[in-house]
PDB file of N, CA and C in Angstrom:
ATOM      1  N   UNK A   1       5.806  34.697  -9.387  1.00  0.00           N
ATOM      2  CA  UNK A   1       5.764  33.294  -9.038  1.00  0.00           C
ATOM      3  C   UNK A   1       4.370  32.964  -8.689  1.00  0.00           C
ATOM      4  N   UNK A   2       3.790  31.861  -9.055  1.00  0.00           N
ATOM      5  CA  UNK A   2       2.661  31.486  -8.838  1.00  0.00           C
ATOM      6  C   UNK A   2       2.513  30.886  -7.246  1.00  0.00           C
ATOM      7  N   UNK A   3       1.453  30.812  -6.656  1.00  0.00           N
ATOM      8  CA  UNK A   3       1.352  30.312  -5.274  1.00  0.00           C
ATOM      9  C   UNK A   3       1.748  28.871  -5.278  1.00  0.00           C
ATOM     10  N   UNK A   4       1.394  27.963  -6.266  1.00  0.00           N
ATOM     11  CA  UNK A   4       1.672  26.565  -6.340  1.00  0.00           C
ATOM     12  C   UNK A   4       3.050  26.348  -6.500  1.00  0.00           C
ATOM     13  N   UNK A   5       3.708  27.208  -7.113  1.00  0.00           N
ATOM     14  CA  UNK A   5       5.285  27.002  -7.321  1.00  0.00           C
ATOM     15  C   UNK A   5       5.991  27.508  -5.984  1.00  0.00           C
ATOM     16  N   UNK A   6       5.457  28.657  -5.462  1.00  0.00           N
ATOM     17  CA  UNK A   6       5.839  28.980  -4.296  1.00  0.00           C
ATOM     18  C   UNK A   6       5.949  28.023  -3.071  1.00  0.00           C
ATOM     19  N   UNK A   7       4.769  27.280  -2.997  1.00  0.00           N
ATOM     20  CA  UNK A   7       4.541  26.240  -1.982  1.00  0.00           C
ATOM     21  C   UNK A   7       5.452  24.971  -2.367  1.00  0.00           C
ATOM     22  N   UNK A   8       5.637  24.723  -3.637  1.00  0.00           N
ATOM     23  CA  UNK A   8       6.434  23.519  -3.972  1.00  0.00           C
ATOM     24  C   UNK A   8       7.938  23.854  -3.701  1.00  0.00           C
ATOM     25  N   UNK A   9       8.318  25.097  -3.940  1.00  0.00           N
ATOM     26  CA  UNK A   9       9.714  25.473  -3.549  1.00  0.00           C
ATOM     27  C   UNK A   9       9.913  25.305  -2.071  1.00  0.00           C
ATOM     28  N   UNK A  10       9.168  25.789  -1.267  1.00  0.00           N
ATOM     29  CA  UNK A  10       9.135  25.940   0.112  1.00  0.00           C
ATOM     30  C   UNK A  10       9.268  24.477   0.667  1.00  0.00           C
ATOM     31  N   UNK A  11       8.365  23.672   0.062  1.00  0.00           N
ATOM     32  CA  UNK A  11       8.404  22.133   0.495  1.00  0.00           C
ATOM     33  C   UNK A  11       9.696  21.496   0.139  1.00  0.00           C
ATOM     34  N   UNK A  12      10.187  21.885  -1.170  1.00  0.00           N
ATOM     35  CA  UNK A  12      11.426  21.008  -1.368  1.00  0.00           C
ATOM     36  C   UNK A  12      12.722  21.614  -0.724  1.00  0.00           C
ATOM     37  N   UNK A  13      12.367  22.903  -0.041  1.00  0.00           N
ATOM     38  CA  UNK A  13      13.602  23.523   0.776  1.00  0.00           C
ATOM     39  C   UNK A  13      13.640  22.864   2.102  1.00  0.00           C
ATOM     40  N   UNK A  14      12.517  22.304   2.644  1.00  0.00           N
ATOM     41  CA  UNK A  14      12.389  21.733   4.024  1.00  0.00           C
ATOM     42  C   UNK A  14      12.827  20.351   4.018  1.00  0.00           C
ATOM     43  N   UNK A  15      13.733  19.952   4.848  1.00  0.00           N
ATOM     44  CA  UNK A  15      14.320  18.626   4.960  1.00  0.00           C
ATOM     45  C   UNK A  15      13.331  17.700   5.644  1.00  0.00           C
ATOM     46  N   UNK A  16      12.663  18.341   6.770  1.00  0.00           N
ATOM     47  CA  UNK A  16      11.571  17.349   7.345  1.00  0.00           C
ATOM     48  C   UNK A  16      10.483  17.171   6.467  1.00  0.00           C
ATOM     49  N   UNK A  17      10.038  18.011   5.628  1.00  0.00           N
ATOM     50  CA  UNK A  17       8.822  17.824   4.581  1.00  0.00           C
ATOM     51  C   UNK A  17       9.316  16.618   3.732  1.00  0.00           C
ATOM     52  N   UNK A  18      10.684  16.839   3.146  1.00  0.00           N
ATOM     53  CA  UNK A  18      11.084  15.760   2.349  1.00  0.00           C
ATOM     54  C   UNK A  18      11.115  14.347   2.971  1.00  0.00           C
ATOM     55  N   UNK A  19      11.625  14.380   4.337  1.00  0.00           N
ATOM     56  CA  UNK A  19      11.632  13.134   4.989  1.00  0.00           C
ATOM     57  C   UNK A  19      10.315  12.494   5.259  1.00  0.00           C
ATOM     58  N   UNK A  20       9.245  13.351   5.609  1.00  0.00           N
ATOM     59  CA  UNK A  20       7.985  12.801   5.679  1.00  0.00           C
ATOM     60  C   UNK A  20       7.465  12.329   4.394  1.00  0.00           C
ATOM     61  N   UNK A  21       7.614  12.809   3.307  1.00  0.00           N
ATOM     62  CA  UNK A  21       7.128  12.476   2.017  1.00  0.00           C
ATOM     63  C   UNK A  21       7.862  11.094   1.730  1.00  0.00           C
ATOM     64  N   UNK A  22       9.123  10.995   1.884  1.00  0.00           N
ATOM     65  CA  UNK A  22       9.960   9.649   1.787  1.00  0.00           C
ATOM     66  C   UNK A  22       9.250   8.585   2.789  1.00  0.00           C
ATOM     67  N   UNK A  23       9.026   8.853   3.826  1.00  0.00           N
ATOM     68  CA  UNK A  23       8.424   7.934   4.799  1.00  0.00           C
ATOM     69  C   UNK A  23       6.979   7.439   4.436  1.00  0.00           C
ATOM     70  N   UNK A  24       6.353   8.439   3.893  1.00  0.00           N
ATOM     71  CA  UNK A  24       4.959   8.095   3.365  1.00  0.00           C
ATOM     72  C   UNK A  24       4.993   7.297   2.079  1.00  0.00           C
ATOM     73  N   UNK A  25       6.017   7.645   1.209  1.00  0.00           N
ATOM     74  CA  UNK A  25       6.255   6.697   0.054  1.00  0.00           C
ATOM     75  C   UNK A  25       6.536   5.260   0.485  1.00  0.00           C
ATOM     76  N   UNK A  26       7.532   5.219   1.490  1.00  0.00           N
ATOM     77  CA  UNK A  26       7.948   3.799   1.895  1.00  0.00           C
ATOM     78  C   UNK A  26       6.660   2.946   2.600  1.00  0.00           C
ATOM     79  N   UNK A  27       5.789   3.684   3.398  1.00  0.00           N
ATOM     80  CA  UNK A  27       4.646   3.170   3.651  1.00  0.00           C
ATOM     81  C   UNK A  27       3.693   2.521   2.689  1.00  0.00           C
ATOM     82  N   UNK A  28       3.450   3.468   1.654  1.00  0.00           N
ATOM     83  CA  UNK A  28       2.586   3.005   0.527  1.00  0.00           C
ATOM     84  C   UNK A  28       3.254   1.892  -0.333  1.00  0.00           C
ATOM     85  N   UNK A  29       4.435   1.855  -0.309  1.00  0.00           N
ATOM     86  CA  UNK A  29       5.212   0.812  -1.187  1.00  0.00           C
ATOM     87  C   UNK A  29       4.991  -0.511  -0.422  1.00  0.00           C
ATOM     88  N   UNK A  30       5.152  -0.455   0.983  1.00  0.00           N
ATOM     89  CA  UNK A  30       5.175  -1.556   1.850  1.00  0.00           C
ATOM     90  C   UNK A  30       3.569  -2.180   1.952  1.00  0.00           C
ATOM     91  N   UNK A  31       2.733  -1.233   1.879  1.00  0.00           N
ATOM     92  CA  UNK A  31       1.327  -1.570   1.561  1.00  0.00           C
ATOM     93  C   UNK A  31       0.993  -2.276   0.311  1.00  0.00           C
ATOM     94  N   UNK A  32       1.502  -1.706  -0.761  1.00  0.00           N
ATOM     95  CA  UNK A  32       1.141  -2.307  -1.984  1.00  0.00           C
ATOM     96  C   UNK A  32       1.924  -3.657  -2.331  1.00  0.00           C
ATOM     97  N   UNK A  33       3.039  -3.755  -1.779  1.00  0.00           N
ATOM     98  CA  UNK A  33       3.864  -4.906  -1.868  1.00  0.00           C
ATOM     99  C   UNK A  33       3.781  -5.937  -0.896  1.00  0.00           C
ATOM    100  N   UNK A  34       2.726  -5.834   0.101  1.00  0.00           N
ATOM    101  CA  UNK A  34       2.599  -6.949   1.239  1.00  0.00           C
ATOM    102  C   UNK A  34       2.506  -8.293   0.825  1.00  0.00           C
ATOM    103  N   UNK A  35       1.868  -8.636  -0.123  1.00  0.00           N
ATOM    104  CA  UNK A  35       1.731 -10.101  -0.655  1.00  0.00           C
ATOM    105  C   UNK A  35       3.139 -10.553  -1.061  1.00  0.00           C
ATOM    106  N   UNK A  36       3.945  -9.928  -1.460  1.00  0.00           N
ATOM    107  CA  UNK A  36       5.317 -10.156  -2.060  1.00  0.00           C
ATOM    108  C   UNK A  36       6.398 -10.249  -0.964  1.00  0.00           C
ATOM    109  N   UNK A  37       6.241  -9.033  -0.003  1.00  0.00           N
ATOM    110  CA  UNK A  37       7.384  -9.101   0.992  1.00  0.00           C
ATOM    111  C   UNK A  37       7.028  -9.595   2.312  1.00  0.00           C
ATOM    112  N   UNK A  38       5.868 -10.152   2.615  1.00  0.00           N
ATOM    113  CA  UNK A  38       5.583 -10.726   3.898  1.00  0.00           C
ATOM    114  C   UNK A  38       6.158 -12.145   3.959  1.00  0.00           C
ATOM    115  N   UNK A  39       6.640 -12.659   5.015  1.00  0.00           N
ATOM    116  CA  UNK A  39       7.014 -13.768   5.201  1.00  0.00           C
ATOM    117  C   UNK A  39       6.025 -14.846   5.415  1.00  0.00           C
ATOM    118  N   UNK A  40       4.899 -14.434   5.818  1.00  0.00           N
ATOM    119  CA  UNK A  40       3.656 -15.291   5.798  1.00  0.00           C
ATOM    120  C   UNK A  40       2.421 -14.470   5.597  1.00  0.00           C
ATOM    121  N   UNK A  41       1.345 -15.344   5.022  1.00  0.00           N
ATOM    122  CA  UNK A  41       0.172 -14.661   4.885  1.00  0.00           C
ATOM    123  C   UNK A  41      -0.658 -14.788   6.090  1.00  0.00           C
ATOM    124  N   UNK A  42      -0.934 -13.720   6.797  1.00  0.00           N
ATOM    125  CA  UNK A  42      -1.633 -14.108   8.181  1.00  0.00           C
ATOM    126  C   UNK A  42      -3.174 -14.429   8.061  1.00  0.00           C
ATOM    127  N   UNK A  43      -3.669 -14.519   6.840  1.00  0.00           N
ATOM    128  CA  UNK A  43      -4.925 -14.785   6.622  1.00  0.00           C
ATOM    129  C   UNK A  43      -5.208 -16.233   6.208  1.00  0.00           C
ATOM    130  N   UNK A  44      -4.023 -16.886   5.800  1.00  0.00           N
ATOM    131  CA  UNK A  44      -3.992 -18.171   5.289  1.00  0.00           C
ATOM    132  C   UNK A  44      -3.821 -19.173   6.483  1.00  0.00           C
ATOM    133  N   UNK A  45      -5.110 -19.706   7.023  1.00  0.00           N
ATOM    134  CA  UNK A  45      -4.883 -20.868   8.109  1.00  0.00           C
ATOM    135  C   UNK A  45      -4.214 -21.957   7.835  1.00  0.00           C
ATOM    136  N   UNK A  46      -3.903 -22.347   6.624  1.00  0.00           N
ATOM    137  CA  UNK A  46      -2.948 -23.497   6.358  1.00  0.00           C
ATOM    138  C   UNK A  46      -1.506 -23.422   6.706  1.00  0.00           C
ATOM    139  N   UNK A  47      -1.119 -22.019   6.879  1.00  0.00           N
ATOM    140  CA  UNK A  47       0.232 -21.934   7.182  1.00  0.00           C
ATOM    141  C   UNK A  47       0.644 -21.582   8.605  1.00  0.00           C
ATOM    142  N   UNK A  48      -0.584 -21.406   9.349  1.00  0.00           N
ATOM    143  CA  UNK A  48      -0.319 -21.507  10.711  1.00  0.00           C
ATOM    144  C   UNK A  48       0.003 -22.686  11.390  1.00  0.00           C
ATOM    145  N   UNK A  49       0.974 -22.358  12.382  1.00  0.00           N
ATOM    146  CA  UNK A  49       1.295 -23.631  13.203  1.00  0.00           C
ATOM    147  C   UNK A  49       1.270 -23.063  14.755  1.00  0.00           C
ATOM    148  N   UNK A  50       0.462 -23.906  15.398  1.00  0.00           N
ATOM    149  CA  UNK A  50       0.210 -23.397  16.914  1.00  0.00           C
ATOM    150  C   UNK A  50       1.566 -23.605  17.860  1.00  0.00           C
ATOM    151  N   UNK A  51       2.409 -24.451  17.261  1.00  0.00           N
ATOM    152  CA  UNK A  51       3.706 -24.647  18.028  1.00  0.00           C
ATOM    153  C   UNK A  51       4.580 -23.404  18.009  1.00  0.00           C
ATOM    154  N   UNK A  52       4.301 -22.501  16.861  1.00  0.00           N
ATOM    155  CA  UNK A  52       4.977 -21.159  16.715  1.00  0.00           C
ATOM    156  C   UNK A  52       4.340 -20.149  17.485  1.00  0.00           C
ATOM    157  N   UNK A  53       3.450 -20.322  18.552  1.00  0.00           N
ATOM    158  CA  UNK A  53       2.595 -19.302  19.060  1.00  0.00           C
ATOM    159  C   UNK A  53       3.597 -18.582  20.191  1.00  0.00           C
ATOM    160  N   UNK A  54       3.480 -17.228  20.206  1.00  0.00           N
ATOM    161  CA  UNK A  54       4.211 -16.410  21.270  1.00  0.00           C
ATOM    162  C   UNK A  54       5.682 -16.623  21.096  1.00  0.00           C
ATOM    163  N   UNK A  55       6.271 -16.679  20.107  1.00  0.00           N
ATOM    164  CA  UNK A  55       7.736 -16.647  19.837  1.00  0.00           C
ATOM    165  C   UNK A  55       8.390 -15.319  20.042  1.00  0.00           C
ATOM    166  N   UNK A  56       9.447 -15.172  20.652  1.00  0.00           N
ATOM    167  CA  UNK A  56      10.274 -13.956  20.808  1.00  0.00           C
ATOM    168  C   UNK A  56      10.606 -13.226  19.394  1.00  0.00           C
ATOM    169  N   UNK A  57      10.938 -12.033  19.252  1.00  0.00           N
ATOM    170  CA  UNK A  57      11.516 -11.436  18.016  1.00  0.00           C
ATOM    171  C   UNK A  57      12.824 -12.113  17.896  1.00  0.00           C
ATOM    172  N   UNK A  58      13.038 -12.439  16.496  1.00  0.00           N
ATOM    173  CA  UNK A  58      14.447 -12.901  16.046  1.00  0.00           C
ATOM    174  C   UNK A  58      14.407 -14.433  16.144  1.00  0.00           C
ATOM    175  N   UNK A  59      13.358 -15.054  16.557  1.00  0.00           N
ATOM    176  CA  UNK A  59      13.266 -16.472  16.661  1.00  0.00           C
ATOM    177  C   UNK A  59      13.277 -17.096  15.112  1.00  0.00           C
ATOM    178  N   UNK A  60      14.071 -18.112  14.921  1.00  0.00           N
ATOM    179  CA  UNK A  60      14.135 -18.855  13.461  1.00  0.00           C
ATOM    180  C   UNK A  60      12.685 -19.629  13.422  1.00  0.00           C
ATOM    181  N   UNK A  61      12.043 -19.564  12.331  1.00  0.00           N
ATOM    182  CA  UNK A  61      10.868 -20.385  12.276  1.00  0.00           C
ATOM    183  C   UNK A  61      11.277 -21.702  11.675  1.00  0.00           C
ATOM    184  N   UNK A  62      10.246 -22.633  12.149  1.00  0.00           N
ATOM    185  CA  UNK A  62      10.457 -24.134  11.853  1.00  0.00           C
ATOM    186  C   UNK A  62      10.559 -24.267  10.243  1.00  0.00           C
ATOM    187  N   UNK A  63       9.863 -23.536   9.546  1.00  0.00           N
ATOM    188  CA  UNK A  63       9.811 -23.708   8.189  1.00  0.00           C
ATOM    189  C   UNK A  63      10.891 -23.037   7.406  1.00  0.00           C
ATOM    190  N   UNK A  64      11.793 -22.366   8.183  1.00  0.00           N
ATOM    191  CA  UNK A  64      12.763 -21.541   7.442  1.00  0.00           C
ATOM    192  C   UNK A  64      12.557 -20.168   7.892  1.00  0.00           C
ATOM    193  N   UNK A  65      13.459 -19.357   7.575  1.00  0.00           N
ATOM    194  CA  UNK A  65      13.292 -17.709   7.866  1.00  0.00           C
ATOM    195  C   UNK A  65      13.440 -17.371   9.311  1.00  0.00           C
ATOM    196  N   UNK A  66      12.797 -16.158   9.492  1.00  0.00           N
ATOM    197  CA  UNK A  66      13.122 -15.587  10.836  1.00  0.00           C
ATOM    198  C   UNK A  66      11.833 -14.761  11.205  1.00  0.00           C
ATOM    199  N   UNK A  67      11.309 -14.859  12.348  1.00  0.00           N
ATOM    200  CA  UNK A  67      10.258 -14.065  12.780  1.00  0.00           C
ATOM    201  C   UNK A  67      10.924 -12.766  13.398  1.00  0.00           C
ATOM    202  N   UNK A  68      11.037 -11.753  12.603  1.00  0.00           N
ATOM    203  CA  UNK A  68      11.649 -10.469  13.139  1.00  0.00           C
ATOM    204  C   UNK A  68      10.903  -9.857  14.214  1.00  0.00           C
ATOM    205  N   UNK A  69       9.678  -9.855  14.349  1.00  0.00           N
ATOM    206  CA  UNK A  69       8.924  -9.321  15.452  1.00  0.00           C
ATOM    207  C   UNK A  69       8.033 -10.277  16.130  1.00  0.00           C
ATOM    208  N   UNK A  70       8.469 -11.610  16.064  1.00  0.00           N
ATOM    209  CA  UNK A  70       7.993 -12.631  16.877  1.00  0.00           C
ATOM    210  C   UNK A  70       6.471 -13.094  16.306  1.00  0.00           C
ATOM    211  N   UNK A  71       5.779 -13.851  17.052  1.00  0.00           N
ATOM    212  CA  UNK A  71       4.524 -14.286  16.580  1.00  0.00           C
ATOM    213  C   UNK A  71       3.668 -14.042  17.760  1.00  0.00           C
ATOM    214  N   UNK A  72       2.190 -14.211  17.422  1.00  0.00           N
ATOM    215  CA  UNK A  72       1.160 -13.837  18.375  1.00  0.00           C
ATOM    216  C   UNK A  72       0.782 -15.053  18.735  1.00  0.00           C
ATOM    217  N   UNK A  73      -0.374 -15.186  19.548  1.00  0.00           N
ATOM    218  CA  UNK A  73      -0.821 -16.566  20.234  1.00  0.00           C
ATOM    219  C   UNK A  73      -1.384 -17.560  19.284  1.00  0.00           C
ATOM    220  N   UNK A  74      -1.531 -17.125  18.155  1.00  0.00           N
ATOM    221  CA  UNK A  74      -2.117 -18.300  17.082  1.00  0.00           C
ATOM    222  C   UNK A  74      -1.060 -18.557  16.299  1.00  0.00           C
ATOM    223  N   UNK A  75       0.354 -18.203  16.483  1.00  0.00           N
ATOM    224  CA  UNK A  75       1.352 -18.599  15.457  1.00  0.00           C
ATOM    225  C   UNK A  75       1.411 -17.601  14.197  1.00  0.00           C
ATOM    226  N   UNK A  76       0.888 -16.506  14.243  1.00  0.00           N
ATOM    227  CA  UNK A  76       1.006 -15.510  12.977  1.00  0.00           C
ATOM    228  C   UNK A  76       2.131 -14.628  13.305  1.00  0.00           C
ATOM    229  N   UNK A  77       2.747 -14.415  11.991  1.00  0.00           N
ATOM    230  CA  UNK A  77       3.989 -13.493  12.114  1.00  0.00           C
ATOM    231  C   UNK A  77       3.559 -12.061  12.282  1.00  0.00           C
ATOM    232  N   UNK A  78       3.956 -11.350  13.350  1.00  0.00           N
ATOM    233  CA  UNK A  78       3.628 -10.037  13.485  1.00  0.00           C
ATOM    234  C   UNK A  78       4.015  -9.069  12.420  1.00  0.00           C
ATOM    235  N   UNK A  79       5.314  -9.260  11.726  1.00  0.00           N
ATOM    236  CA  UNK A  79       5.561  -8.482  10.782  1.00  0.00           C
ATOM    237  C   UNK A  79       4.639  -8.507   9.553  1.00  0.00           C
ATOM    238  N   UNK A  80       4.206  -9.621   9.236  1.00  0.00           N
ATOM    239  CA  UNK A  80       3.170  -9.845   8.115  1.00  0.00           C
ATOM    240  C   UNK A  80       2.008  -9.179   8.559  1.00  0.00           C
ATOM    241  N   UNK A  81       1.600  -9.211   9.790  1.00  0.00           N
ATOM    242  CA  UNK A  81       0.338  -8.495  10.189  1.00  0.00           C
ATOM    243  C   UNK A  81       0.363  -7.226  10.092  1.00  0.00           C
ATOM    244  N   UNK A  82       1.501  -6.689  10.249  1.00  0.00           N
ATOM    245  CA  UNK A  82       1.613  -5.177  10.290  1.00  0.00           C
ATOM    246  C   UNK A  82       1.485  -4.779   8.649  1.00  0.00           C
ATOM    247  N   UNK A  83       2.155  -5.561   7.759  1.00  0.00           N
ATOM    248  CA  UNK A  83       2.175  -5.264   6.435  1.00  0.00           C
ATOM    249  C   UNK A  83       0.801  -5.357   5.771  1.00  0.00           C
ATOM    250  N   UNK A  84       0.150  -6.331   6.090  1.00  0.00           N
ATOM    251  CA  UNK A  84      -1.302  -6.526   5.597  1.00  0.00           C
ATOM    252  C   UNK A  84      -2.263  -5.592   6.361  1.00  0.00           C
ATOM    253  N   UNK A  85      -1.924  -5.104   7.501  1.00  0.00           N
ATOM    254  CA  UNK A  85      -2.664  -4.122   8.249  1.00  0.00           C
ATOM    255  C   UNK A  85      -2.483  -2.736   7.508  1.00  0.00           C
ATOM    256  N   UNK A  86      -1.393  -2.495   7.084  1.00  0.00           N
ATOM    257  CA  UNK A  86      -1.103  -1.268   6.232  1.00  0.00           C
ATOM    258  C   UNK A  86      -1.944  -1.229   4.933  1.00  0.00           C
ATOM    259  N   UNK A  87      -2.244  -2.390   4.540  1.00  0.00           N
ATOM    260  CA  UNK A  87      -3.020  -2.412   3.176  1.00  0.00           C
ATOM    261  C   UNK A  87      -4.588  -2.039   3.647  1.00  0.00           C
ATOM    262  N   UNK A  88      -5.084  -2.300   4.844  1.00  0.00           N
ATOM    263  CA  UNK A  88      -6.281  -2.058   5.099  1.00  0.00           C
ATOM    264  C   UNK A  88      -6.292  -0.442   5.490  1.00  0.00           C
ATOM    265  N   UNK A  89      -5.292   0.063   6.183  1.00  0.00           N
ATOM    266  CA  UNK A  89      -5.292   1.352   6.770  1.00  0.00           C
ATOM    267  C   UNK A  89      -5.033   2.274   5.792  1.00  0.00           C
ATOM    268  N   UNK A  90      -4.328   2.230   4.850  1.00  0.00           N
ATOM    269  CA  UNK A  90      -3.846   3.069   3.825  1.00  0.00           C
ATOM    270  C   UNK A  90      -4.521   2.922   2.656  1.00  0.00           C
ATOM    271  N   UNK A  91      -4.741   1.750   2.039  1.00  0.00           N
ATOM    272  CA  UNK A  91      -5.408   1.683   0.756  1.00  0.00           C
ATOM    273  C   UNK A  91      -6.786   1.478   0.947  1.00  0.00           C
TER     274      UNK A  91
END
């Protein structure tokens, strides 16, 4: 057995390694699909509403939808900020 096959077999046998690979794939997918899965573009100033500033997690948005992680002091959706931050951090 070649060393590469042995390493691949040991990796496939480890549940923790496979869970880590699945988590990494999920993060990469979220980073790639951020413009389509984000409720709000945090860089688009036309979408921001100061009245939506500092809302608690789970608060319904005035324009429809829910701020799952709340908003910051400028009214930007925190979940969208995380998705777009993934793009900068990973890609």
